[in-house]
């Protein structure tokens, strides 16, 4: 790609290209994005499993014995931590990434809140990271330029 084409490429498109080539990794603060008010938060995936565990545990305690209620609660907590939480985490990451990469405004809003971070390891071994205080556009420009100059030199 020529320098003229590089100069007119929008920063978000440049970043998408780097992400697709796996030259940059995008980090998402899952806890902030999996909170009410977030554009990717889903009430159902967070509330219904926990409510089901608690109601079943209370029912087991009331109808049979508190040992059964405790066992249901223990198994429910194991199920929540080992099966439900990883699925929720992956879903929040995918939805947040897709939402952030829709437009510059979305990416800027999440970047300003400190939800996103970027990481790159260049072909020469140097490592760069960028978070809220850094300029993500400058980061994408730098990594894009460095990776392209490494390709040209090879």
Protein backbone atom coordinates (compact mmCIF):
# COMPACT_ATOMS: atom_id res chain seq x y z
CA UNK A 1 0.00 0.00 0.00
CA UNK A 2 1.38 3.40 -0.91
CA UNK A 3 1.85 6.20 1.59
CA UNK A 4 -0.88 8.23 -0.12
CA UNK A 5 -3.39 5.41 0.37
CA UNK A 6 -2.17 4.99 3.95
CA UNK A 7 -2.73 8.70 4.66
CA UNK A 8 -6.38 8.63 3.54
CA UNK A 9 -7.33 5.34 5.22
CA UNK A 10 -9.65 6.07 8.17
CA UNK A 11 -8.14 5.08 11.53
CA UNK A 12 -10.90 2.59 12.36
CA UNK A 13 -10.45 0.82 9.01
CA UNK A 14 -6.71 0.69 9.66
CA UNK A 15 -7.39 -0.80 13.09
CA UNK A 16 -9.83 -3.36 11.65
CA UNK A 17 -7.22 -4.39 9.11
CA UNK A 18 -4.63 -4.86 11.88
CA UNK A 19 -7.11 -6.85 13.97
CA UNK A 20 -8.00 -9.08 11.01
CA UNK A 21 -4.30 -9.72 10.38
CA UNK A 22 -3.91 -10.50 14.11
CA UNK A 23 -1.17 -7.91 14.43
CA UNK A 24 -3.13 -6.09 17.15
CA UNK A 25 -5.16 -7.53 20.00
CA UNK A 26 -8.21 -5.73 21.37
CA UNK A 27 -8.95 -5.95 25.07
CA UNK A 28 -12.38 -5.37 26.61
CA UNK A 29 -13.11 -4.65 30.28
CA UNK A 30 -15.79 -7.31 30.72
CA UNK A 31 -17.11 -6.10 34.08
CA UNK A 32 -17.79 -2.58 32.79
CA UNK A 33 -19.48 -3.89 29.66
CA UNK A 34 -21.54 -6.50 31.53
CA UNK A 35 -23.28 -3.90 33.68
CA UNK A 36 -26.70 -2.26 33.36
CA UNK A 37 -26.50 0.75 31.08
CA UNK A 38 -23.94 -0.83 28.78
CA UNK A 39 -25.02 -1.10 25.13
CA UNK A 40 -24.22 -4.84 25.11
CA UNK A 41 -25.66 -5.81 28.52
CA UNK A 42 -28.36 -8.49 28.50
CA UNK A 43 -30.46 -8.78 31.63
CA UNK A 44 -31.70 -12.27 30.90
CA UNK A 45 -28.33 -13.96 30.63
CA UNK A 46 -27.26 -12.55 34.00
CA UNK A 47 -30.44 -12.70 36.08
CA UNK A 48 -32.32 -15.85 35.08
CA UNK A 49 -29.61 -18.46 35.82
CA UNK A 50 -28.87 -16.99 39.27
CA UNK A 51 -32.57 -16.61 40.07
CA UNK A 52 -33.21 -20.21 39.02
CA UNK A 53 -30.43 -21.47 41.30
CA UNK A 54 -31.74 -19.51 44.28
CA UNK A 55 -35.42 -20.40 43.80
CA UNK A 56 -34.58 -24.09 43.34
CA UNK A 57 -32.38 -24.04 46.44
CA UNK A 58 -35.11 -22.36 48.52
CA UNK A 59 -37.69 -24.83 47.21
CA UNK A 60 -35.46 -27.78 48.08
CA UNK A 61 -34.95 -26.38 51.56
CA UNK A 62 -38.63 -25.70 52.14
CA UNK A 63 -39.99 -28.91 50.66
CA UNK A 64 -37.39 -31.47 51.75
CA UNK A 65 -34.52 -30.41 53.99
CA UNK A 66 -31.91 -27.71 54.26
CA UNK A 67 -29.22 -30.24 53.27
CA UNK A 68 -30.89 -30.61 49.89
CA UNK A 69 -31.15 -26.83 49.55
CA UNK A 70 -27.45 -26.49 50.36
CA UNK A 71 -26.54 -29.22 47.87
CA UNK A 72 -28.63 -27.56 45.16
CA UNK A 73 -26.97 -24.23 45.93
CA UNK A 74 -23.46 -25.76 45.80
CA UNK A 75 -24.11 -27.55 42.50
CA UNK A 76 -25.78 -24.42 41.11
CA UNK A 77 -22.77 -22.27 42.03
CA UNK A 78 -20.42 -24.77 40.39
CA UNK A 79 -22.61 -24.77 37.26
CA UNK A 80 -22.72 -20.96 37.23
CA UNK A 81 -18.95 -20.55 37.58
CA UNK A 82 -17.89 -23.32 35.22
CA UNK A 83 -20.54 -23.21 32.50
CA UNK A 84 -22.52 -19.97 32.52
CA UNK A 85 -19.89 -17.34 33.35
CA UNK A 86 -17.43 -18.31 30.55
CA UNK A 87 -20.26 -18.22 28.02
CA UNK A 88 -21.39 -14.81 29.28
CA UNK A 89 -17.81 -13.48 29.21
CA UNK A 90 -17.28 -14.64 25.62
CA UNK A 91 -20.62 -13.21 24.53
CA UNK A 92 -19.94 -9.83 26.14
CA UNK A 93 -16.51 -9.70 24.48
CA UNK A 94 -17.96 -10.51 21.05
CA UNK A 95 -20.84 -8.04 21.36
CA UNK A 96 -18.61 -5.26 22.74
CA UNK A 97 -16.04 -5.76 19.99
CA UNK A 98 -18.69 -5.73 17.28
CA UNK A 99 -20.36 -2.64 18.76
CA UNK A 100 -17.07 -0.76 19.16
CA UNK A 101 -15.94 -1.47 15.61
CA UNK A 102 -19.21 -0.25 14.08
CA UNK A 103 -18.16 3.40 14.03
CA UNK A 104 -15.59 5.90 15.25
CA UNK A 105 -18.16 7.34 17.67
CA UNK A 106 -18.77 3.98 19.33
CA UNK A 107 -15.06 3.24 19.58
CA UNK A 108 -14.31 6.72 20.95
CA UNK A 109 -17.08 6.44 23.56
CA UNK A 110 -15.83 3.09 24.85
CA UNK A 111 -12.21 4.24 24.69
CA UNK A 112 -13.00 7.33 26.77
CA UNK A 113 -14.68 5.16 29.43
CA UNK A 114 -11.58 2.98 29.70
CA UNK A 115 -13.35 -0.12 28.43
CA UNK A 116 -11.00 -0.87 25.53
CA UNK A 117 -7.27 -1.44 25.27
CA UNK A 118 -4.94 -2.35 22.43
CA UNK A 119 -1.80 -4.48 22.37
CA UNK A 120 0.66 -5.20 19.57
CA UNK A 121 3.92 -7.07 19.26
CA UNK A 122 5.89 -5.92 16.24
CA UNK A 123 7.90 -8.28 14.04
CA UNK A 124 11.16 -6.94 15.53
CA UNK A 125 10.02 -7.94 19.04
CA UNK A 126 8.97 -4.54 20.38
CA UNK A 127 5.71 -4.50 22.31
CA UNK A 128 3.23 -1.66 22.46
CA UNK A 129 0.07 -1.20 24.48
CA UNK A 130 -2.49 1.58 24.55
CA UNK A 131 -5.25 2.33 27.01
CA UNK A 132 -7.59 5.23 27.79
CA UNK A 133 -4.88 7.86 28.29
CA UNK A 134 -3.22 7.02 24.97
CA UNK A 135 -4.34 7.96 21.47
CA UNK A 136 -5.73 4.85 19.77
CA UNK A 137 -5.50 6.49 16.35
CA UNK A 138 -1.80 7.18 16.84
CA UNK A 139 -1.32 3.62 18.08
CA UNK A 140 -3.01 2.18 14.98
CA UNK A 141 -1.00 4.47 12.72
CA UNK A 142 2.28 3.51 14.41
CA UNK A 143 1.66 -0.24 14.34
CA UNK A 144 0.39 -0.09 10.75
CA UNK A 145 3.46 1.85 9.63
CA UNK A 146 5.88 -0.41 11.53
CA UNK A 147 4.38 -3.66 10.25
CA UNK A 148 4.29 -2.39 6.67
CA UNK A 149 7.90 -1.18 6.86
CA UNK A 150 8.92 -4.60 8.21
CA UNK A 151 7.15 -6.26 5.27
CA UNK A 152 8.84 -3.91 2.79
CA UNK A 153 12.27 -4.56 4.32
CA UNK A 154 11.83 -8.35 4.07
